[in-house]
PDB file of N, CA and C in Angstrom:
ATOM      1  N   MET A   1      -6.244   2.466 -19.583  1.00  0.00           N
ATOM      2  CA  MET A   1      -7.450   2.556 -18.774  1.00  0.00           C
ATOM      3  C   MET A   1      -7.225   1.931 -17.395  1.00  0.00           C
ATOM      4  N   MET A   2      -6.602   0.721 -17.356  1.00  0.00           N
ATOM      5  CA  MET A   2      -6.358   0.059 -16.071  1.00  0.00           C
ATOM      6  C   MET A   2      -5.424   0.886 -15.201  1.00  0.00           C
ATOM      7  N   ASN A   3      -4.419   1.510 -15.827  1.00  0.00           N
ATOM      8  CA  ASN A   3      -3.488   2.352 -15.084  1.00  0.00           C
ATOM      9  C   ASN A   3      -4.226   3.522 -14.448  1.00  0.00           C
ATOM     10  N   LEU A   4      -5.189   4.080 -15.169  1.00  0.00           N
ATOM     11  CA  LEU A   4      -5.986   5.192 -14.645  1.00  0.00           C
ATOM     12  C   LEU A   4      -6.821   4.743 -13.455  1.00  0.00           C
ATOM     13  N   ILE A   5      -7.388   3.547 -13.532  1.00  0.00           N
ATOM     14  CA  ILE A   5      -8.168   2.995 -12.416  1.00  0.00           C
ATOM     15  C   ILE A   5      -7.262   2.823 -11.195  1.00  0.00           C
ATOM     16  N   GLY A   6      -6.061   2.310 -11.405  1.00  0.00           N
ATOM     17  CA  GLY A   6      -5.113   2.123 -10.309  1.00  0.00           C
ATOM     18  C   GLY A   6      -4.710   3.433  -9.659  1.00  0.00           C
ATOM     19  N   LYS A   7      -4.495   4.454 -10.485  1.00  0.00           N
ATOM     20  CA  LYS A   7      -4.115   5.759  -9.941  1.00  0.00           C
ATOM     21  C   LYS A   7      -5.246   6.359  -9.112  1.00  0.00           C
ATOM     22  N   TRP A   8      -6.464   6.285  -9.633  1.00  0.00           N
ATOM     23  CA  TRP A   8      -7.608   6.804  -8.887  1.00  0.00           C
ATOM     24  C   TRP A   8      -7.857   5.996  -7.624  1.00  0.00           C
ATOM     25  N   ALA A   9      -7.643   4.697  -7.696  1.00  0.00           N
ATOM     26  CA  ALA A   9      -7.803   3.855  -6.513  1.00  0.00           C
ATOM     27  C   ALA A   9      -6.827   4.291  -5.427  1.00  0.00           C
ATOM     28  N   PHE A  10      -5.585   4.599  -5.814  1.00  0.00           N
ATOM     29  CA  PHE A  10      -4.602   5.036  -4.834  1.00  0.00           C
ATOM     30  C   PHE A  10      -4.987   6.380  -4.230  1.00  0.00           C
ATOM     31  N   VAL A  11      -5.356   7.329  -5.074  1.00  0.00           N
ATOM     32  CA  VAL A  11      -5.738   8.660  -4.580  1.00  0.00           C
ATOM     33  C   VAL A  11      -6.945   8.559  -3.645  1.00  0.00           C
ATOM     34  N   LEU A  12      -7.969   7.838  -4.070  1.00  0.00           N
ATOM     35  CA  LEU A  12      -9.159   7.686  -3.231  1.00  0.00           C
ATOM     36  C   LEU A  12      -8.839   6.915  -1.953  1.00  0.00           C
ATOM     37  N   GLY A  13      -7.960   5.934  -2.044  1.00  0.00           N
ATOM     38  CA  GLY A  13      -7.564   5.176  -0.859  1.00  0.00           C
ATOM     39  C   GLY A  13      -6.844   6.035   0.159  1.00  0.00           C
ATOM     40  N   VAL A  14      -5.942   6.885  -0.298  1.00  0.00           N
ATOM     41  CA  VAL A  14      -5.220   7.773   0.616  1.00  0.00           C
ATOM     42  C   VAL A  14      -6.189   8.774   1.254  1.00  0.00           C
ATOM     43  N   ILE A  15      -7.068   9.343   0.440  1.00  0.00           N
ATOM     44  CA  ILE A  15      -8.055  10.290   0.977  1.00  0.00           C
ATOM     45  C   ILE A  15      -8.952   9.593   2.005  1.00  0.00           C
ATOM     46  N   ALA A  16      -9.414   8.386   1.677  1.00  0.00           N
ATOM     47  CA  ALA A  16     -10.256   7.629   2.609  1.00  0.00           C
ATOM     48  C   ALA A  16      -9.486   7.303   3.882  1.00  0.00           C
ATOM     49  N   ALA A  17      -8.236   6.902   3.740  1.00  0.00           N
ATOM     50  CA  ALA A  17      -7.424   6.574   4.914  1.00  0.00           C
ATOM     51  C   ALA A  17      -7.269   7.786   5.820  1.00  0.00           C
ATOM     52  N   ILE A  18      -7.032   8.938   5.237  1.00  0.00           N
ATOM     53  CA  ILE A  18      -6.870  10.155   6.039  1.00  0.00           C
ATOM     54  C   ILE A  18      -8.180  10.526   6.731  1.00  0.00           C
ATOM     55  N   LEU A  19      -9.265  10.561   5.968  1.00  0.00           N
ATOM     56  CA  LEU A  19     -10.551  10.967   6.549  1.00  0.00           C
ATOM     57  C   LEU A  19     -11.038   9.979   7.606  1.00  0.00           C
ATOM     58  N   LEU A  20     -10.956   8.694   7.300  1.00  0.00           N
ATOM     59  CA  LEU A  20     -11.417   7.692   8.258  1.00  0.00           C
ATOM     60  C   LEU A  20     -10.498   7.621   9.474  1.00  0.00           C
ATOM     61  N   GLY A  21      -9.214   7.863   9.255  1.00  0.00           N
ATOM     62  CA  GLY A  21      -8.291   7.896  10.387  1.00  0.00           C
ATOM     63  C   GLY A  21      -8.588   9.053  11.320  1.00  0.00           C
ATOM     64  N   ILE A  22      -8.845  10.211  10.754  1.00  0.00           N
ATOM     65  CA  ILE A  22      -9.182  11.374  11.575  1.00  0.00           C
ATOM     66  C   ILE A  22     -10.488  11.137  12.329  1.00  0.00           C
ATOM     67  N   ALA A  23     -11.443  10.502  11.648  1.00  0.00           N
ATOM     68  CA  ALA A  23     -12.734  10.218  12.280  1.00  0.00           C
ATOM     69  C   ALA A  23     -12.619   9.092  13.305  1.00  0.00           C
ATOM     70  N   GLY A  24     -11.509   8.360  13.284  1.00  0.00           N
ATOM     71  CA  GLY A  24     -11.310   7.275  14.234  1.00  0.00           C
ATOM     72  C   GLY A  24     -12.133   6.045  13.934  1.00  0.00           C
ATOM     73  N   LYS A  25     -12.490   5.860  12.676  1.00  0.00           N
ATOM     74  CA  LYS A  25     -13.361   4.751  12.298  1.00  0.00           C
ATOM     75  C   LYS A  25     -12.590   3.672  11.549  1.00  0.00           C
ATOM     76  N   ILE A  26     -11.599   3.099  12.189  1.00  0.00           N
ATOM     77  CA  ILE A  26     -10.843   2.013  11.574  1.00  0.00           C
ATOM     78  C   ILE A  26     -11.350   0.705  12.192  1.00  0.00           C
ATOM     79  N   ASP A  27     -12.359   0.141  11.562  1.00  0.00           N
ATOM     80  CA  ASP A  27     -12.881  -1.144  12.021  1.00  0.00           C
ATOM     81  C   ASP A  27     -12.605  -2.195  10.946  1.00  0.00           C
ATOM     82  N   ALA A  28     -13.133  -3.390  11.128  1.00  0.00           N
ATOM     83  CA  ALA A  28     -12.846  -4.485  10.195  1.00  0.00           C
ATOM     84  C   ALA A  28     -13.339  -4.173   8.784  1.00  0.00           C
ATOM     85  N   THR A  29     -14.503  -3.558   8.674  1.00  0.00           N
ATOM     86  CA  THR A  29     -15.046  -3.235   7.345  1.00  0.00           C
ATOM     87  C   THR A  29     -14.159  -2.230   6.623  1.00  0.00           C
ATOM     88  N   VAL A  30     -13.749  -1.194   7.329  1.00  0.00           N
ATOM     89  CA  VAL A  30     -12.868  -0.180   6.734  1.00  0.00           C
ATOM     90  C   VAL A  30     -11.541  -0.821   6.342  1.00  0.00           C
ATOM     91  N   ALA A  31     -11.019  -1.675   7.191  1.00  0.00           N
ATOM     92  CA  ALA A  31      -9.749  -2.345   6.884  1.00  0.00           C
ATOM     93  C   ALA A  31      -9.868  -3.188   5.622  1.00  0.00           C
ATOM     94  N   ILE A  32     -10.965  -3.920   5.483  1.00  0.00           N
ATOM     95  CA  ILE A  32     -11.165  -4.746   4.287  1.00  0.00           C
ATOM     96  C   ILE A  32     -11.248  -3.882   3.041  1.00  0.00           C
ATOM     97  N   VAL A  33     -11.963  -2.764   3.119  1.00  0.00           N
ATOM     98  CA  VAL A  33     -12.074  -1.856   1.972  1.00  0.00           C
ATOM     99  C   VAL A  33     -10.697  -1.306   1.602  1.00  0.00           C
ATOM    100  N   LEU A  34      -9.916  -0.890   2.594  1.00  0.00           N
ATOM    101  CA  LEU A  34      -8.575  -0.362   2.312  1.00  0.00           C
ATOM    102  C   LEU A  34      -7.660  -1.449   1.742  1.00  0.00           C
ATOM    103  N   ILE A  35      -7.794  -2.667   2.228  1.00  0.00           N
ATOM    104  CA  ILE A  35      -6.995  -3.775   1.690  1.00  0.00           C
ATOM    105  C   ILE A  35      -7.344  -4.033   0.231  1.00  0.00           C
ATOM    106  N   VAL A  36      -8.628  -4.030  -0.088  1.00  0.00           N
ATOM    107  CA  VAL A  36      -9.054  -4.254  -1.482  1.00  0.00           C
ATOM    108  C   VAL A  36      -8.536  -3.134  -2.380  1.00  0.00           C
ATOM    109  N   ILE A  37      -8.619  -1.902  -1.905  1.00  0.00           N
ATOM    110  CA  ILE A  37      -8.082  -0.781  -2.691  1.00  0.00           C
ATOM    111  C   ILE A  37      -6.581  -0.957  -2.882  1.00  0.00           C
ATOM    112  N   GLY A  38      -5.866  -1.365  -1.832  1.00  0.00           N
ATOM    113  CA  GLY A  38      -4.430  -1.611  -1.943  1.00  0.00           C
ATOM    114  C   GLY A  38      -4.110  -2.702  -2.948  1.00  0.00           C
ATOM    115  N   LEU A  39      -4.917  -3.763  -2.956  1.00  0.00           N
ATOM    116  CA  LEU A  39      -4.717  -4.833  -3.942  1.00  0.00           C
ATOM    117  C   LEU A  39      -4.940  -4.321  -5.360  1.00  0.00           C
ATOM    118  N   ILE A  40      -5.956  -3.497  -5.546  1.00  0.00           N
ATOM    119  CA  ILE A  40      -6.222  -2.905  -6.869  1.00  0.00           C
ATOM    120  C   ILE A  40      -5.032  -2.061  -7.307  1.00  0.00           C
ATOM    121  N   VAL A  41      -4.522  -1.251  -6.389  1.00  0.00           N
ATOM    122  CA  VAL A  41      -3.361  -0.413  -6.711  1.00  0.00           C
ATOM    123  C   VAL A  41      -2.177  -1.289  -7.108  1.00  0.00           C
ATOM    124  N   GLY A  42      -1.905  -2.330  -6.339  1.00  0.00           N
ATOM    125  CA  GLY A  42      -0.772  -3.204  -6.640  1.00  0.00           C
ATOM    126  C   GLY A  42      -0.925  -3.947  -7.954  1.00  0.00           C
ATOM    127  N   LEU A  43      -2.146  -4.332  -8.291  1.00  0.00           N
ATOM    128  CA  LEU A  43      -2.383  -5.081  -9.522  1.00  0.00           C
ATOM    129  C   LEU A  43      -2.424  -4.201 -10.763  1.00  0.00           C
ATOM    130  N   LEU A  44      -2.946  -3.002 -10.655  1.00  0.00           N
ATOM    131  CA  LEU A  44      -3.214  -2.193 -11.846  1.00  0.00           C
ATOM    132  C   LEU A  44      -2.323  -0.976 -12.031  1.00  0.00           C
ATOM    133  N   ASN A  45      -1.652  -0.535 -11.000  1.00  0.00           N
ATOM    134  CA  ASN A  45      -1.059   0.794 -11.053  1.00  0.00           C
ATOM    135  C   ASN A  45       0.432   0.823 -11.359  1.00  0.00           C
ATOM    136  N   ILE A  46       1.141  -0.242 -11.155  1.00  0.00           N
ATOM    137  CA  ILE A  46       2.596  -0.175 -11.194  1.00  0.00           C
ATOM    138  C   ILE A  46       3.130  -0.856 -12.449  1.00  0.00           C
ATOM    139  N   ALA A  47       3.703  -0.047 -13.333  1.00  0.00           N
ATOM    140  CA  ALA A  47       4.326  -0.566 -14.551  1.00  0.00           C
ATOM    141  C   ALA A  47       5.689  -1.156 -14.195  1.00  0.00           C
ATOM    142  N   SER A  48       6.206  -2.002 -15.049  1.00  0.00           N
ATOM    143  CA  SER A  48       7.469  -2.686 -14.751  1.00  0.00           C
ATOM    144  C   SER A  48       8.623  -1.706 -14.524  1.00  0.00           C
ATOM    145  N   LYS A  49       8.612  -0.582 -15.215  1.00  0.00           N
ATOM    146  CA  LYS A  49       9.693   0.390 -15.030  1.00  0.00           C
ATOM    147  C   LYS A  49       9.595   1.116 -13.696  1.00  0.00           C
ATOM    148  N   ASP A  50       8.429   1.063 -13.060  1.00  0.00           N
ATOM    149  CA  ASP A  50       8.219   1.761 -11.794  1.00  0.00           C
ATOM    150  C   ASP A  50       8.309   0.855 -10.572  1.00  0.00           C
ATOM    151  N   VAL A  51       8.641  -0.417 -10.769  1.00  0.00           N
ATOM    152  CA  VAL A  51       8.621  -1.370  -9.654  1.00  0.00           C
ATOM    153  C   VAL A  51       9.628  -0.988  -8.574  1.00  0.00           C
ATOM    154  N   SER A  52      10.875  -0.767  -8.951  1.00  0.00           N
ATOM    155  CA  SER A  52      11.901  -0.459  -7.943  1.00  0.00           C
ATOM    156  C   SER A  52      11.593   0.815  -7.160  1.00  0.00           C
ATOM    157  N   PRO A  53      11.272   1.933  -7.836  1.00  0.00           N
ATOM    158  CA  PRO A  53      10.936   3.123  -7.056  1.00  0.00           C
ATOM    159  C   PRO A  53       9.698   2.931  -6.173  1.00  0.00           C
ATOM    160  N   PHE A  54       8.699   2.196  -6.693  1.00  0.00           N
ATOM    161  CA  PHE A  54       7.498   1.965  -5.900  1.00  0.00           C
ATOM    162  C   PHE A  54       7.816   1.136  -4.666  1.00  0.00           C
ATOM    163  N   LEU A  55       8.594   0.075  -4.836  1.00  0.00           N
ATOM    164  CA  LEU A  55       8.923  -0.770  -3.689  1.00  0.00           C
ATOM    165  C   LEU A  55       9.767  -0.025  -2.660  1.00  0.00           C
ATOM    166  N   LEU A  56      10.706   0.784  -3.112  1.00  0.00           N
ATOM    167  CA  LEU A  56      11.511   1.578  -2.181  1.00  0.00           C
ATOM    168  C   LEU A  56      10.628   2.558  -1.418  1.00  0.00           C
ATOM    169  N   ALA A  57       9.784   3.268  -2.146  1.00  0.00           N
ATOM    170  CA  ALA A  57       8.879   4.218  -1.487  1.00  0.00           C
ATOM    171  C   ALA A  57       7.871   3.493  -0.601  1.00  0.00           C
ATOM    172  N   GLY A  58       7.372   2.354  -1.078  1.00  0.00           N
ATOM    173  CA  GLY A  58       6.390   1.599  -0.305  1.00  0.00           C
ATOM    174  C   GLY A  58       6.957   1.069   0.998  1.00  0.00           C
ATOM    175  N   VAL A  59       8.145   0.491   0.938  1.00  0.00           N
ATOM    176  CA  VAL A  59       8.771  -0.025   2.161  1.00  0.00           C
ATOM    177  C   VAL A  59       9.102   1.125   3.109  1.00  0.00           C
ATOM    178  N   SER A  60       9.581   2.232   2.568  1.00  0.00           N
ATOM    179  CA  SER A  60       9.851   3.402   3.406  1.00  0.00           C
ATOM    180  C   SER A  60       8.575   3.896   4.077  1.00  0.00           C
ATOM    181  N   LEU A  61       7.494   3.949   3.316  1.00  0.00           N
ATOM    182  CA  LEU A  61       6.213   4.390   3.867  1.00  0.00           C
ATOM    183  C   LEU A  61       5.699   3.422   4.922  1.00  0.00           C
ATOM    184  N   ILE A  62       5.857   2.121   4.684  1.00  0.00           N
ATOM    185  CA  ILE A  62       5.432   1.124   5.669  1.00  0.00           C
ATOM    186  C   ILE A  62       6.211   1.297   6.972  1.00  0.00           C
ATOM    187  N   LEU A  63       7.513   1.446   6.872  1.00  0.00           N
ATOM    188  CA  LEU A  63       8.323   1.629   8.078  1.00  0.00           C
ATOM    189  C   LEU A  63       7.969   2.922   8.803  1.00  0.00           C
ATOM    190  N   ALA A  64       7.836   4.001   8.043  1.00  0.00           N
ATOM    191  CA  ALA A  64       7.519   5.294   8.661  1.00  0.00           C
ATOM    192  C   ALA A  64       6.143   5.280   9.324  1.00  0.00           C
ATOM    193  N   THR A  65       5.153   4.688   8.654  1.00  0.00           N
ATOM    194  CA  THR A  65       3.821   4.677   9.250  1.00  0.00           C
ATOM    195  C   THR A  65       3.758   3.726  10.442  1.00  0.00           C
ATOM    196  N   PHE A  66       4.457   2.595  10.365  1.00  0.00           N
ATOM    197  CA  PHE A  66       4.444   1.657  11.487  1.00  0.00           C
ATOM    198  C   PHE A  66       5.069   2.290  12.729  1.00  0.00           C
ATOM    199  N   PHE A  67       6.279   2.822  12.570  1.00  0.00           N
ATOM    200  CA  PHE A  67       6.947   3.402  13.729  1.00  0.00           C
ATOM    201  C   PHE A  67       6.314   4.729  14.133  1.00  0.00           C
ATOM    202  N   GLY A  68       5.786   5.465  13.163  1.00  0.00           N
ATOM    203  CA  GLY A  68       5.065   6.701  13.495  1.00  0.00           C
ATOM    204  C   GLY A  68       3.821   6.418  14.301  1.00  0.00           C
ATOM    205  N   LYS A  69       3.111   5.360  13.922  1.00  0.00           N
ATOM    206  CA  LYS A  69       1.901   4.966  14.655  1.00  0.00           C
ATOM    207  C   LYS A  69       2.253   4.603  16.089  1.00  0.00           C
ATOM    208  N   GLN A  70       3.364   3.915  16.277  1.00  0.00           N
ATOM    209  CA  GLN A  70       3.792   3.521  17.618  1.00  0.00           C
ATOM    210  C   GLN A  70       4.145   4.738  18.478  1.00  0.00           C
ATOM    211  N   SER A  71       4.714   5.748  17.850  1.00  0.00           N
ATOM    212  CA  SER A  71       5.151   6.910  18.622  1.00  0.00           C
ATOM    213  C   SER A  71       4.077   7.984  18.761  1.00  0.00           C
ATOM    214  N   MET A  72       2.990   7.858  18.028  1.00  0.00           N
ATOM    215  CA  MET A  72       1.931   8.866  18.070  1.00  0.00           C
ATOM    216  C   MET A  72       0.715   8.438  18.888  1.00  0.00           C
ATOM    217  N   THR A  73       0.917   7.551  19.816  1.00  0.00           N
ATOM    218  CA  THR A  73      -0.224   7.073  20.601  1.00  0.00           C
ATOM    219  C   THR A  73      -0.857   8.189  21.426  1.00  0.00           C
ATOM    220  N   ALA A  74      -0.107   9.252  21.700  1.00  0.00           N
ATOM    221  CA  ALA A  74      -0.657  10.379  22.458  1.00  0.00           C
ATOM    222  C   ALA A  74      -1.644  11.196  21.626  1.00  0.00           C
ATOM    223  N   ILE A  75      -1.550  11.070  20.297  1.00  0.00           N
ATOM    224  CA  ILE A  75      -2.460  11.792  19.401  1.00  0.00           C
ATOM    225  C   ILE A  75      -3.193  10.749  18.564  1.00  0.00           C
ATOM    226  N   PRO A  76      -4.330  10.255  19.063  1.00  0.00           N
ATOM    227  CA  PRO A  76      -5.021   9.141  18.411  1.00  0.00           C
ATOM    228  C   PRO A  76      -5.391   9.383  16.947  1.00  0.00           C
ATOM    229  N   ALA A  77      -5.758  10.607  16.581  1.00  0.00           N
ATOM    230  CA  ALA A  77      -6.151  10.869  15.193  1.00  0.00           C
ATOM    231  C   ALA A  77      -4.987  10.608  14.242  1.00  0.00           C
ATOM    232  N   ILE A  78      -3.799  11.038  14.617  1.00  0.00           N
ATOM    233  CA  ILE A  78      -2.631  10.826  13.763  1.00  0.00           C
ATOM    234  C   ILE A  78      -2.276   9.335  13.729  1.00  0.00           C
ATOM    235  N   ALA A  79      -2.333   8.673  14.874  1.00  0.00           N
ATOM    236  CA  ALA A  79      -2.058   7.234  14.912  1.00  0.00           C
ATOM    237  C   ALA A  79      -3.050   6.474  14.035  1.00  0.00           C
ATOM    238  N   ASN A  80      -4.321   6.876  14.049  1.00  0.00           N
ATOM    239  CA  ASN A  80      -5.337   6.225  13.215  1.00  0.00           C
ATOM    240  C   ASN A  80      -5.080   6.451  11.728  1.00  0.00           C
ATOM    241  N   VAL A  81      -4.691   7.659  11.357  1.00  0.00           N
ATOM    242  CA  VAL A  81      -4.388   7.955   9.950  1.00  0.00           C
ATOM    243  C   VAL A  81      -3.210   7.099   9.493  1.00  0.00           C
ATOM    244  N   LEU A  82      -2.176   7.028  10.310  1.00  0.00           N
ATOM    245  CA  LEU A  82      -1.007   6.220   9.946  1.00  0.00           C
ATOM    246  C   LEU A  82      -1.365   4.740   9.844  1.00  0.00           C
ATOM    247  N   GLU A  83      -2.226   4.263  10.739  1.00  0.00           N
ATOM    248  CA  GLU A  83      -2.658   2.868  10.657  1.00  0.00           C
ATOM    249  C   GLU A  83      -3.448   2.612   9.378  1.00  0.00           C
ATOM    250  N   ALA A  84      -4.327   3.543   9.016  1.00  0.00           N
ATOM    251  CA  ALA A  84      -5.122   3.381   7.798  1.00  0.00           C
ATOM    252  C   ALA A  84      -4.237   3.395   6.553  1.00  0.00           C
ATOM    253  N   ILE A  85      -3.240   4.265   6.528  1.00  0.00           N
ATOM    254  CA  ILE A  85      -2.308   4.297   5.394  1.00  0.00           C
ATOM    255  C   ILE A  85      -1.522   2.992   5.333  1.00  0.00           C
ATOM    256  N   LEU A  86      -1.122   2.480   6.474  1.00  0.00           N
ATOM    257  CA  LEU A  86      -0.423   1.206   6.534  1.00  0.00           C
ATOM    258  C   LEU A  86      -1.283   0.084   5.972  1.00  0.00           C
ATOM    259  N   ILE A  87      -2.546   0.058   6.344  1.00  0.00           N
ATOM    260  CA  ILE A  87      -3.467  -0.975   5.851  1.00  0.00           C
ATOM    261  C   ILE A  87      -3.634  -0.869   4.336  1.00  0.00           C
ATOM    262  N   LEU A  88      -3.582   0.337   3.799  1.00  0.00           N
ATOM    263  CA  LEU A  88      -3.719   0.552   2.358  1.00  0.00           C
ATOM    264  C   LEU A  88      -2.465   0.143   1.590  1.00  0.00           C
ATOM    265  N   VAL A  89      -1.300   0.497   2.106  1.00  0.00           N
ATOM    266  CA  VAL A  89      -0.055   0.347   1.350  1.00  0.00           C
ATOM    267  C   VAL A  89       0.498  -1.074   1.385  1.00  0.00           C
ATOM    268  N   VAL A  90       0.362  -1.768   2.508  1.00  0.00           N
ATOM    269  CA  VAL A  90       0.959  -3.106   2.629  1.00  0.00           C
ATOM    270  C   VAL A  90       0.486  -4.058   1.527  1.00  0.00           C
ATOM    271  N   PRO A  91      -0.822  -4.176   1.252  1.00  0.00           N
ATOM    272  CA  PRO A  91      -1.227  -5.103   0.181  1.00  0.00           C
ATOM    273  C   PRO A  91      -0.657  -4.728  -1.191  1.00  0.00           C
ATOM    274  N   ALA A  92      -0.573  -3.428  -1.474  1.00  0.00           N
ATOM    275  CA  ALA A  92      -0.015  -3.000  -2.761  1.00  0.00           C
ATOM    276  C   ALA A  92       1.451  -3.408  -2.870  1.00  0.00           C
ATOM    277  N   VAL A  93       2.210  -3.198  -1.817  1.00  0.00           N
ATOM    278  CA  VAL A  93       3.633  -3.553  -1.834  1.00  0.00           C
ATOM    279  C   VAL A  93       3.803  -5.069  -1.939  1.00  0.00           C
ATOM    280  N   VAL A  94       2.975  -5.832  -1.239  1.00  0.00           N
ATOM    281  CA  VAL A  94       3.074  -7.289  -1.311  1.00  0.00           C
ATOM    282  C   VAL A  94       2.783  -7.784  -2.731  1.00  0.00           C
ATOM    283  N   ILE A  95       1.728  -7.270  -3.347  1.00  0.00           N
ATOM    284  CA  ILE A  95       1.376  -7.686  -4.708  1.00  0.00           C
ATOM    285  C   ILE A  95       2.500  -7.353  -5.686  1.00  0.00           C
ATOM    286  N   VAL A  96       3.016  -6.138  -5.623  1.00  0.00           N
ATOM    287  CA  VAL A  96       4.085  -5.738  -6.547  1.00  0.00           C
ATOM    288  C   VAL A  96       5.344  -6.557  -6.282  1.00  0.00           C
ATOM    289  N   SER A  97       5.653  -6.823  -5.021  1.00  0.00           N
ATOM    290  CA  SER A  97       6.833  -7.632  -4.684  1.00  0.00           C
ATOM    291  C   SER A  97       6.712  -9.048  -5.228  1.00  0.00           C
ATOM    292  N   VAL A  98       5.571  -9.670  -5.012  1.00  0.00           N
ATOM    293  CA  VAL A  98       5.368 -11.040  -5.500  1.00  0.00           C
ATOM    294  C   VAL A  98       5.433 -11.078  -7.022  1.00  0.00           C
ATOM    295  N   ARG A  99       4.794 -10.118  -7.663  1.00  0.00           N
ATOM    296  CA  ARG A  99       4.833 -10.050  -9.132  1.00  0.00           C
ATOM    297  C   ARG A  99       6.271  -9.898  -9.634  1.00  0.00           C
ATOM    298  N   GLU A 100       7.062  -9.079  -8.958  1.00  0.00           N
ATOM    299  CA  GLU A 100       8.454  -8.873  -9.368  1.00  0.00           C
ATOM    300  C   GLU A 100       9.290 -10.134  -9.140  1.00  0.00           C
ATOM    301  N   VAL A 101       9.041 -10.837  -8.057  1.00  0.00           N
ATOM    302  CA  VAL A 101       9.760 -12.100  -7.816  1.00  0.00           C
ATOM    303  C   VAL A 101       9.465 -13.092  -8.930  1.00  0.00           C
ATOM    304  N   PHE A 102       8.201 -13.195  -9.341  1.00  0.00           N
ATOM    305  CA  PHE A 102       7.858 -14.092 -10.446  1.00  0.00           C
ATOM    306  C   PHE A 102       8.518 -13.639 -11.744  1.00  0.00           C
ATOM    307  N   THR A 103       8.581 -12.350 -11.975  1.00  0.00           N
ATOM    308  CA  THR A 103       9.233 -11.828 -13.176  1.00  0.00           C
ATOM    309  C   THR A 103      10.717 -12.193 -13.177  1.00  0.00           C
ATOM    310  N   ILE A 104      11.361 -11.997 -12.057  1.00  0.00           N
ATOM    311  CA  ILE A 104      12.786 -12.330 -11.950  1.00  0.00           C
ATOM    312  C   ILE A 104      12.993 -13.835 -12.109  1.00  0.00           C
ATOM    313  N   ALA A 105      12.129 -14.620 -11.495  1.00  0.00           N
ATOM    314  CA  ALA A 105      12.261 -16.078 -11.559  1.00  0.00           C
ATOM    315  C   ALA A 105      12.122 -16.602 -12.977  1.00  0.00           C
ATOM    316  N   THR A 106      11.300 -15.980 -13.778  1.00  0.00           N
ATOM    317  CA  THR A 106      11.131 -16.436 -15.155  1.00  0.00           C
ATOM    318  C   THR A 106      12.321 -16.058 -16.033  1.00  0.00           C
ATOM    319  N   LYS A 107      13.114 -15.087 -15.605  1.00  0.00           N
ATOM    320  CA  LYS A 107      14.284 -14.667 -16.374  1.00  0.00           C
ATOM    321  C   LYS A 107      15.537 -15.443 -16.013  1.00  0.00           C
ATOM    322  N   VAL A 108      15.503 -16.152 -14.903  1.00  0.00           N
ATOM    323  CA  VAL A 108      16.681 -16.884 -14.427  1.00  0.00           C
ATOM    324  C   VAL A 108      16.922 -18.088 -15.329  1.00  0.00           C
ATOM    325  N   LYS A 109      18.144 -18.226 -15.772  1.00  0.00           N
ATOM    326  CA  LYS A 109      18.509 -19.353 -16.617  1.00  0.00           C
ATOM    327  C   LYS A 109      19.193 -20.409 -15.757  1.00  0.00           C
ATOM    328  N   ILE A 110      18.750 -21.625 -15.907  1.00  0.00           N
ATOM    329  CA  ILE A 110      19.335 -22.728 -15.153  1.00  0.00           C
ATOM    330  C   ILE A 110      20.539 -23.246 -15.942  1.00  0.00           C
ATOM    331  N   VAL A 111      21.675 -23.283 -15.276  1.00  0.00           N
ATOM    332  CA  VAL A 111      22.910 -23.749 -15.899  1.00  0.00           C
ATOM    333  C   VAL A 111      23.102 -25.213 -15.544  1.00  0.00           C
ATOM    334  N   LYS A 112      23.363 -26.006 -16.564  1.00  0.00           N
ATOM    335  CA  LYS A 112      23.604 -27.445 -16.328  1.00  0.00           C
ATOM    336  C   LYS A 112      25.050 -27.773 -16.507  1.00  0.00           C
TER     337      LYS A 112
END
């Protein structure tokens, strides 16, 4: 059930990011909503077997949207969509990364 909530949160977040980006309505309230959706996705959506592919795709998406946003300033709608996607994805990647670091840290054996 939680996995289903995470998947729907991601789909709705991407749709919201695209629509709000096109409309040019990226303000503080929209950013907070996208951040919360990203946190939900990071907490509920990524199973342990999917961590590496998610982080690779997430970091790639963050880089592409960041640099794409910088280069698309001539087309504000596209720059806004990329910014909204960036706001959505960064919290999810941070949550999954931190969770994975804790997982790895608990598996490390201290040698005396």
